[in-house]
Amino acid sequence: MGRMSRRSLLARTGAGLAALGLPATSAAHAHGGRERWSSRRSGPLVIGHRGASAYRPEHTIASYALAIEMGADYIEPDLVSTKDHQLVARHENDIGGTTDVATRGFDDRRTTKTIDGVVRADTWFTEDFTLAELKTLRAVERLPSVRPQNTAFDGLFEIPTLQEVIDLAKQHGVGIYPETKHPSYFDSIGLSLEEPLVEVLRRNRLDRRGAKVFVQSFEVSNLQELSRMTRVPLVQLIDARGAPADFVLAGDPRTYDDLVTRQGLAEIARYADGIGPEKSRIVPGNVAGGTLGEPTSLIADAHGAGLVLHPWTFRPENNFLAATFRQGDPASPEFLRARGDQPTELALYYRLGVDGLFADNPDTAVAVRETLRDDD
């Protein structure tokens, strides 16, 4: 694919949102975004990635509540299991960097494990704690060097259960978008994620078409199993490189590259309703400091297979933006923390036709969507 010039980029985004004077932290409210197969009158979905994690420590009720206030249509809890088989919201089962566990007197639980082929040394894991024990811990900011302002909230918020996230979402009429984390690993230690997830959805009357729920996973067999257990929409996550962990464990030579071929997408459509690709699979080079290439055919190919498409992750700081979208003095020590021209990045993907996207700052994603809709 060729390189995308700034001129062609601005043309794709309708002359660029920077010219509209849209601030990077504008707040707006959505008007009830719904799944593509029922209605998209409100535009693509905005999914609060781990809540509003640009502003609060991720996977906390405070982060989810702020995402809802900012107009997110869905909030995303990553799910892992406790020792007593309760589902809680953490990005990883490794909680050494996202909680204050090191200060809570649990030195005897510190250990080293290999999770999906990655060695995680000298840390703590949710499956070694009961829910009651985890509730004594408090969340801390995962990216303190990039988001130092969020460290002001360190030590304030509990680790929420899936049920607590659902209660919050139902109270405000928004959807939930849970991800099963390391399902093969949890199967291997007798703490399967699928059964408790389906049971919680059933108990809350969220196990049916029309409920505001998507369930996502990077693994394939996990989603295939869920497709036989529940009617809620399922989304196959697709990383920028590598292969699903269950493929690797089974000796299956296929990779994520194989999943985004037309044949791969047709196979996904047999068990899932959508895909969640890393955003550079739609616009190559859209990675930290990268040079944008011309868009791929993935959106059209996914839609051709009957799949919705929700890319990830859209973050406002220069640290996460391609060179095209970075702003400020690169020599400044604050450069990577500074906000870039994320509104133009978001507008590009909306114009290309995504059905939704994951954003750390839902306020900006909603504001850009609403501005484009008003212009149309």
Protein backbone atom coordinates (compact mmCIF):
# COMPACT_ATOMS: atom_id res chain seq x y z
CA MET A 1 0.00 0.00 0.00
CA GLY A 2 1.15 3.53 -0.70
CA ARG A 3 1.71 6.27 1.80
CA MET A 4 -1.25 8.46 2.72
CA SER A 5 -0.50 12.15 2.35
CA ARG A 6 -1.77 14.76 4.75
CA ARG A 7 -3.90 16.18 1.94
CA SER A 8 -5.60 12.85 1.20
CA LEU A 9 -6.07 12.27 4.93
CA LEU A 10 -7.81 15.61 5.40
CA ALA A 11 -9.94 14.95 2.35
CA ARG A 12 -11.07 11.66 3.85
CA THR A 13 -12.03 13.40 7.09
CA GLY A 14 -13.99 16.17 5.44
CA ALA A 15 -11.24 18.85 5.58
CA GLY A 16 -10.10 17.85 9.05
CA LEU A 17 -11.67 18.44 12.42
CA ALA A 18 -8.86 20.67 13.60
CA ALA A 19 -10.35 23.34 11.35
CA LEU A 20 -13.64 22.99 13.22
CA GLY A 21 -12.04 24.12 16.46
CA LEU A 22 -13.06 20.89 18.19
CA PRO A 23 -11.12 20.62 21.47
CA ALA A 24 -9.48 17.31 22.29
CA THR A 25 -11.52 16.94 25.49
CA SER A 26 -14.94 18.05 24.26
CA ALA A 27 -17.80 16.26 26.00
CA ALA A 28 -20.95 15.25 24.18
CA HIS A 29 -23.68 12.74 24.75
CA ALA A 30 -24.69 9.92 22.43
CA HIS A 31 -28.28 9.26 21.48
CA GLY A 32 -28.61 5.52 22.00
CA GLY A 33 -26.23 3.87 19.54
CA ARG A 34 -27.36 0.37 18.58
CA GLU A 35 -25.90 -2.66 16.86
CA ARG A 36 -25.35 -2.46 13.13
CA TRP A 37 -27.81 -5.23 12.38
CA SER A 38 -30.70 -3.32 14.01
CA SER A 39 -29.97 0.40 13.56
CA ARG A 40 -27.07 2.79 13.14
CA ARG A 41 -29.07 6.00 13.09
CA SER A 42 -26.89 7.44 15.82
CA GLY A 43 -23.67 6.56 14.03
CA PRO A 44 -20.87 4.17 14.97
CA LEU A 45 -20.72 2.92 18.54
CA VAL A 46 -18.33 4.50 21.01
CA ILE A 47 -16.96 1.90 23.41
CA GLY A 48 -15.33 3.19 26.58
CA HIS A 49 -12.06 1.26 26.59
CA ARG A 50 -11.69 -0.04 30.17
CA GLY A 51 -14.02 2.85 30.97
CA ALA A 52 -12.57 6.32 30.47
CA SER A 53 -9.01 5.20 31.08
CA ALA A 54 -7.46 8.42 29.76
CA TYR A 55 -8.87 10.11 32.88
CA ARG A 56 -9.18 7.48 35.63
CA PRO A 57 -7.36 4.25 36.54
CA GLU A 58 -8.72 1.60 34.20
CA HIS A 59 -11.31 -1.01 35.12
CA THR A 60 -12.71 0.88 38.09
CA ILE A 61 -16.30 1.90 38.68
CA ALA A 62 -15.10 5.51 38.57
CA SER A 63 -13.61 4.95 35.11
CA TYR A 64 -16.76 3.25 33.82
CA ALA A 65 -19.03 5.89 35.34
CA LEU A 66 -17.04 8.68 33.71
CA ALA A 67 -17.22 6.93 30.33
CA ILE A 68 -21.00 6.78 30.68
CA GLU A 69 -21.15 10.46 31.64
CA MET A 70 -19.09 11.25 28.54
CA GLY A 71 -21.63 9.52 26.29
CA ALA A 72 -20.12 6.08 25.65
CA ASP A 73 -22.60 3.57 24.24
CA TYR A 74 -20.78 0.60 25.78
CA ILE A 75 -18.25 0.08 28.56
CA GLU A 76 -15.61 -2.62 28.39
CA PRO A 77 -14.66 -4.86 31.32
CA ASP A 78 -11.80 -7.31 30.74
CA LEU A 79 -12.64 -10.44 32.72
CA VAL A 80 -10.41 -12.70 34.80
CA SER A 81 -11.24 -15.17 37.58
CA THR A 82 -10.61 -15.19 41.29
CA LYS A 83 -9.61 -18.27 43.29
CA ASP A 84 -13.25 -18.79 44.23
CA HIS A 85 -14.34 -18.53 40.57
CA GLN A 86 -15.78 -15.02 40.57
CA LEU A 87 -15.33 -12.82 37.51
CA VAL A 88 -13.66 -9.46 38.12
CA ALA A 89 -12.56 -6.61 35.84
CA ARG A 90 -8.80 -6.44 35.34
CA HIS A 91 -6.77 -6.02 32.16
CA GLU A 92 -4.67 -9.03 33.18
CA ASN A 93 -4.74 -11.66 35.88
CA ASP A 94 -1.32 -10.21 36.75
CA ILE A 95 -2.26 -7.42 39.18
CA GLY A 96 1.21 -6.31 40.25
CA GLY A 97 1.06 -3.13 38.17
CA THR A 98 -2.63 -2.24 38.45
CA THR A 99 -3.26 -2.55 42.19
CA ASP A 100 -1.52 -1.75 45.48
CA VAL A 101 -1.13 -5.46 46.25
CA ALA A 102 2.59 -5.00 47.01
CA THR A 103 1.69 -2.90 50.05
CA ARG A 104 -1.11 -5.09 51.40
CA GLY A 105 0.74 -7.89 53.16
CA PHE A 106 0.42 -10.57 50.48
CA ASP A 107 4.12 -11.26 49.94
CA ASP A 108 3.44 -15.00 50.23
CA ARG A 109 1.33 -14.80 47.02
CA ARG A 110 4.10 -13.28 44.93
CA THR A 111 5.15 -15.78 42.28
CA THR A 112 6.20 -16.39 38.66
CA LYS A 113 3.93 -17.92 36.02
CA THR A 114 3.89 -18.40 32.27
CA ILE A 115 0.65 -17.09 30.75
CA ASP A 116 0.10 -17.79 27.04
CA GLY A 117 3.81 -18.25 26.56
CA VAL A 118 4.80 -15.04 28.36
CA VAL A 119 6.75 -15.30 31.62
CA ARG A 120 5.37 -12.97 34.28
CA ALA A 121 7.91 -12.90 37.04
CA ASP A 122 7.74 -11.94 40.70
CA THR A 123 4.17 -10.67 40.74
CA TRP A 124 0.62 -11.48 41.89
CA PHE A 125 -2.31 -13.12 40.10
CA THR A 126 -6.07 -12.88 40.63
CA GLU A 127 -6.53 -16.65 40.65
CA ASP A 128 -4.50 -16.84 43.86
CA PHE A 129 -6.91 -14.54 45.73
CA THR A 130 -10.50 -14.94 46.85
CA LEU A 131 -12.91 -12.18 45.91
CA ALA A 132 -12.98 -11.02 49.52
CA GLU A 133 -9.18 -10.71 49.48
CA LEU A 134 -9.17 -8.83 46.17
CA LYS A 135 -11.72 -6.41 47.58
CA THR A 136 -9.12 -5.30 50.15
CA LEU A 137 -6.88 -4.05 47.33
CA ARG A 138 -7.15 -0.73 45.53
CA ALA A 139 -6.48 0.16 41.89
CA VAL A 140 -3.51 2.22 40.69
CA GLU A 141 -2.77 3.83 37.32
CA ARG A 142 -1.20 1.33 34.89
CA LEU A 143 0.61 3.97 32.77
CA PRO A 144 1.92 6.52 35.29
CA SER A 145 4.68 7.82 33.01
CA VAL A 146 2.15 8.68 30.26
CA ARG A 147 -0.80 9.63 32.47
CA PRO A 148 0.70 11.01 35.67
CA GLN A 149 -2.49 12.96 36.39
CA ASN A 150 -4.31 9.67 36.93
CA THR A 151 -2.01 8.74 39.80
CA ALA A 152 -3.94 11.24 41.92
CA PHE A 153 -6.62 8.52 42.11
CA ASP A 154 -4.28 5.71 43.16
CA GLY A 155 -5.56 3.81 46.17
CA LEU A 156 -9.16 5.06 45.97
CA PHE A 157 -11.08 2.46 43.99
CA GLU A 158 -11.86 -1.25 44.46
CA ILE A 159 -11.57 -3.99 41.87
CA PRO A 160 -15.13 -4.35 40.53
CA THR A 161 -16.93 -7.60 39.82
CA LEU A 162 -18.68 -8.21 36.52
CA GLN A 163 -21.98 -7.93 38.36
CA GLU A 164 -21.07 -4.49 39.68
CA VAL A 165 -20.20 -3.34 36.16
CA ILE A 166 -23.53 -4.68 34.88
CA ASP A 167 -25.42 -2.94 37.68
CA LEU A 168 -23.84 0.38 36.71
CA ALA A 169 -24.52 -0.14 32.99
CA LYS A 170 -28.17 -1.10 33.57
CA GLN A 171 -28.70 1.88 35.83
CA HIS A 172 -27.68 4.21 33.00
CA GLY A 173 -29.00 2.26 30.00
CA VAL A 174 -25.66 1.58 28.34
CA GLY A 175 -24.22 -1.66 27.04
CA ILE A 176 -21.39 -3.87 28.24
CA TYR A 177 -18.62 -5.28 26.07
CA PRO A 178 -16.73 -7.87 28.17
CA GLU A 179 -13.54 -9.55 27.01
CA THR A 180 -12.51 -12.98 28.22
CA LYS A 181 -8.80 -12.76 29.09
CA HIS A 182 -6.58 -15.84 28.68
CA PRO A 183 -9.50 -18.32 28.49
CA SER A 184 -7.30 -21.32 27.62
CA TYR A 185 -5.06 -20.59 30.58
CA PHE A 186 -8.01 -20.32 32.95
CA ASP A 187 -9.41 -23.58 31.53
CA SER A 188 -6.07 -25.24 32.30
CA ILE A 189 -6.31 -24.36 36.01
CA GLY A 190 -9.97 -25.32 36.42
CA LEU A 191 -11.37 -21.78 36.41
CA SER A 192 -13.17 -21.67 33.07
CA LEU A 193 -14.48 -18.23 32.15
CA GLU A 194 -17.31 -19.24 29.83
CA GLU A 195 -19.76 -20.81 32.29
CA PRO A 196 -19.74 -18.05 34.92
CA LEU A 197 -19.94 -15.39 32.21
CA VAL A 198 -22.97 -16.98 30.58
CA GLU A 199 -24.60 -17.51 33.97
CA VAL A 200 -24.17 -13.84 34.96
CA LEU A 201 -25.62 -12.74 31.62
CA ARG A 202 -28.59 -15.07 32.06
CA ARG A 203 -29.20 -13.91 35.62
CA ASN A 204 -29.33 -10.33 34.38
CA ARG A 205 -31.51 -11.13 31.35
CA LEU A 206 -28.69 -10.13 29.01
CA ASP A 207 -28.39 -13.47 27.21
CA ARG A 208 -30.56 -12.65 24.22
CA ARG A 209 -30.44 -10.84 20.92
CA GLY A 210 -31.33 -7.21 21.41
CA ALA A 211 -29.57 -7.01 24.77
CA LYS A 212 -26.83 -4.39 24.75
CA VAL A 213 -23.97 -6.88 25.03
CA PHE A 214 -21.03 -7.96 22.94
CA VAL A 215 -18.54 -10.59 24.12
CA GLN A 216 -15.03 -10.51 22.67
CA SER A 217 -11.90 -12.64 22.78
CA PHE A 218 -8.51 -12.93 21.10
CA GLU A 219 -8.92 -16.71 21.13
CA VAL A 220 -11.04 -18.65 18.63
CA SER A 221 -12.09 -21.82 20.47
CA ASN A 222 -13.36 -19.69 23.34
CA LEU A 223 -15.78 -17.87 21.02
CA GLN A 224 -16.76 -21.08 19.26
CA GLU A 225 -17.70 -22.56 22.63
CA LEU A 226 -19.63 -19.43 23.59
CA SER A 227 -21.51 -19.52 20.28
CA ARG A 228 -23.05 -22.80 21.45
CA MET A 229 -23.88 -21.42 24.89
CA THR A 230 -25.37 -17.97 24.29
CA ARG A 231 -27.15 -15.88 21.69
CA VAL A 232 -25.35 -12.60 22.44
CA PRO A 233 -23.19 -11.15 19.64
CA LEU A 234 -19.59 -12.37 19.67
CA VAL A 235 -16.55 -10.48 18.38
CA GLN A 236 -13.25 -11.99 17.28
CA LEU A 237 -10.36 -9.78 18.33
CA ILE A 238 -7.46 -9.59 15.89
CA ASP A 239 -4.06 -8.34 16.93
CA ALA A 240 -1.58 -6.56 14.65
CA ARG A 241 0.70 -9.59 14.64
CA GLY A 242 1.09 -13.04 16.10
CA ALA A 243 -1.54 -15.75 16.52
CA PRO A 244 -4.37 -16.68 18.88
CA ALA A 245 -3.03 -18.39 21.99
CA ASP A 246 -5.28 -21.40 21.49
CA PHE A 247 -3.89 -21.87 17.96
CA VAL A 248 -0.36 -21.84 19.32
CA LEU A 249 -1.23 -24.31 22.08
CA ALA A 250 -2.89 -26.65 19.58
CA GLY A 251 -0.06 -26.45 17.04
CA ASP A 252 -2.35 -24.72 14.53
CA PRO A 253 -0.07 -22.79 12.13
CA ARG A 254 -2.63 -20.09 11.34
CA THR A 255 -2.02 -16.54 12.50
CA TYR A 256 -4.08 -13.37 12.81
CA ASP A 257 -3.02 -12.56 9.25
CA ASP A 258 -4.94 -15.64 8.12
CA LEU A 259 -8.05 -14.51 10.00
CA VAL A 260 -8.34 -11.26 8.03
CA THR A 261 -8.31 -12.91 4.61
CA ARG A 262 -11.68 -13.28 2.94
CA GLN A 263 -11.61 -17.00 3.71
CA GLY A 264 -10.69 -16.29 7.32
CA LEU A 265 -13.49 -13.75 7.70
CA ALA A 266 -15.98 -16.22 6.24
CA GLU A 267 -14.88 -18.77 8.85
CA ILE A 268 -15.25 -16.19 11.64
CA ALA A 269 -18.80 -15.47 10.45
CA ARG A 270 -19.73 -19.06 11.30
CA TYR A 271 -19.32 -18.46 15.03
CA ALA A 272 -19.12 -14.69 15.56
CA ASP A 273 -20.91 -11.50 14.58
CA GLY A 274 -17.98 -9.14 14.25
CA ILE A 275 -14.27 -8.53 14.43
CA GLY A 276 -12.21 -6.19 16.60
CA PRO A 277 -8.99 -5.52 14.68
CA GLU A 278 -6.03 -3.51 15.91
CA LYS A 279 -6.46 -0.19 14.09
CA SER A 280 -3.33 -0.49 11.92
CA ARG A 281 -4.98 -3.39 10.11
CA ILE A 282 -7.35 -0.81 8.64
CA VAL A 283 -4.84 1.99 8.06
CA PRO A 284 -1.33 0.50 7.88
CA GLY A 285 1.35 2.37 9.76
CA ASN A 286 -1.10 3.84 12.25
CA VAL A 287 1.09 2.98 15.21
CA ALA A 288 3.21 5.08 17.56
CA GLY A 289 5.32 7.37 15.39
CA GLY A 290 4.45 5.48 12.21
CA THR A 291 3.75 6.76 8.70
CA LEU A 292 0.21 6.17 7.49
CA GLY A 293 -0.37 3.98 4.46
CA GLU A 294 -3.44 3.72 2.28
CA PRO A 295 -6.41 1.94 3.91
CA THR A 296 -6.78 -1.79 3.38
CA SER A 297 -9.93 -3.53 2.20
CA LEU A 298 -10.64 -4.97 5.66
CA ILE A 299 -13.76 -2.90 6.35
CA ALA A 300 -15.34 -3.84 3.03
CA ASP A 301 -14.26 -7.46 3.37
CA ALA A 302 -15.68 -7.74 6.89
CA HIS A 303 -18.96 -6.18 5.85
CA GLY A 304 -19.03 -8.47 2.85
CA ALA A 305 -18.85 -11.42 5.24
CA GLY A 306 -21.71 -9.97 7.31
CA LEU A 307 -19.46 -8.93 10.19
CA VAL A 308 -19.44 -5.67 12.12
CA LEU A 309 -16.07 -4.08 12.74
CA HIS A 310 -14.94 -2.33 15.94
CA PRO A 311 -11.21 -1.41 15.86
CA TRP A 312 -9.02 -0.61 18.88
CA THR A 313 -7.48 1.32 20.59
CA PHE A 314 -7.85 5.08 20.10
CA ARG A 315 -5.82 7.07 22.63
CA PRO A 316 -5.20 10.83 22.70
CA GLU A 317 -1.56 11.11 23.72
CA ASN A 318 1.28 11.53 21.20
CA ASN A 319 2.81 8.41 22.73
CA PHE A 320 0.16 6.32 20.97
CA LEU A 321 -0.35 8.35 17.77
CA ALA A 322 1.18 8.02 14.33
CA ALA A 323 3.53 10.83 13.32
CA THR A 324 0.78 12.34 11.15
CA PHE A 325 -1.33 13.02 14.23
CA ARG A 326 1.35 14.10 16.70
CA GLN A 327 1.45 17.73 17.81
CA GLY A 328 3.97 19.84 19.72
CA ASP A 329 7.74 19.99 20.07
CA PRO A 330 9.31 16.52 19.88
CA ALA A 331 12.24 17.81 21.93
CA SER A 332 9.98 18.67 24.84
CA PRO A 333 10.11 16.25 27.80
CA GLU A 334 6.30 16.42 27.84
CA PHE A 335 5.89 15.59 24.14
CA LEU A 336 4.78 11.97 24.48
CA ARG A 337 2.29 12.85 27.23
CA ALA A 338 0.81 15.74 25.25
CA ARG A 339 -2.44 15.38 23.34
CA GLY A 340 -2.16 15.13 19.58
CA ASP A 341 -4.63 15.59 16.75
CA GLN A 342 -6.68 12.56 17.71
CA PRO A 343 -9.93 14.10 16.40
CA THR A 344 -8.62 13.84 12.83
CA GLU A 345 -7.58 10.22 13.44
CA LEU A 346 -11.04 9.37 14.77
CA ALA A 347 -12.76 11.13 11.88
CA LEU A 348 -10.68 9.17 9.39
CA TYR A 349 -11.95 5.86 10.76
CA TYR A 350 -15.54 7.06 11.00
CA ARG A 351 -15.39 8.19 7.38
CA LEU A 352 -13.91 4.86 6.31
CA GLY A 353 -17.01 3.12 7.69
CA VAL A 354 -16.22 1.41 10.98
CA ASP A 355 -19.25 0.29 12.98
CA GLY A 356 -17.76 1.41 16.29
CA LEU A 357 -14.42 1.87 18.01
CA PHE A 358 -12.71 1.58 21.38
CA ALA A 359 -11.50 4.87 22.88
CA ASP A 360 -9.69 5.69 26.11
CA ASN A 361 -11.34 9.12 25.96
CA PRO A 362 -14.99 8.57 24.99
CA ASP A 363 -15.79 12.30 25.20
CA THR A 364 -13.64 13.07 22.16
CA ALA A 365 -14.87 10.02 20.23
CA VAL A 366 -18.49 11.03 20.84
CA ALA A 367 -17.85 14.68 19.99
CA VAL A 368 -16.18 13.80 16.68
CA ARG A 369 -18.97 11.40 15.79
CA GLU A 370 -21.64 13.98 16.58
CA THR A 371 -19.85 16.70 14.61
CA LEU A 372 -19.56 14.50 11.55
CA ARG A 373 -23.19 13.44 11.82
CA ASP A 374 -24.34 17.05 12.08
CA ASP A 375 -22.24 17.94 9.00
CA ASP A 376 -23.80 15.07 7.05
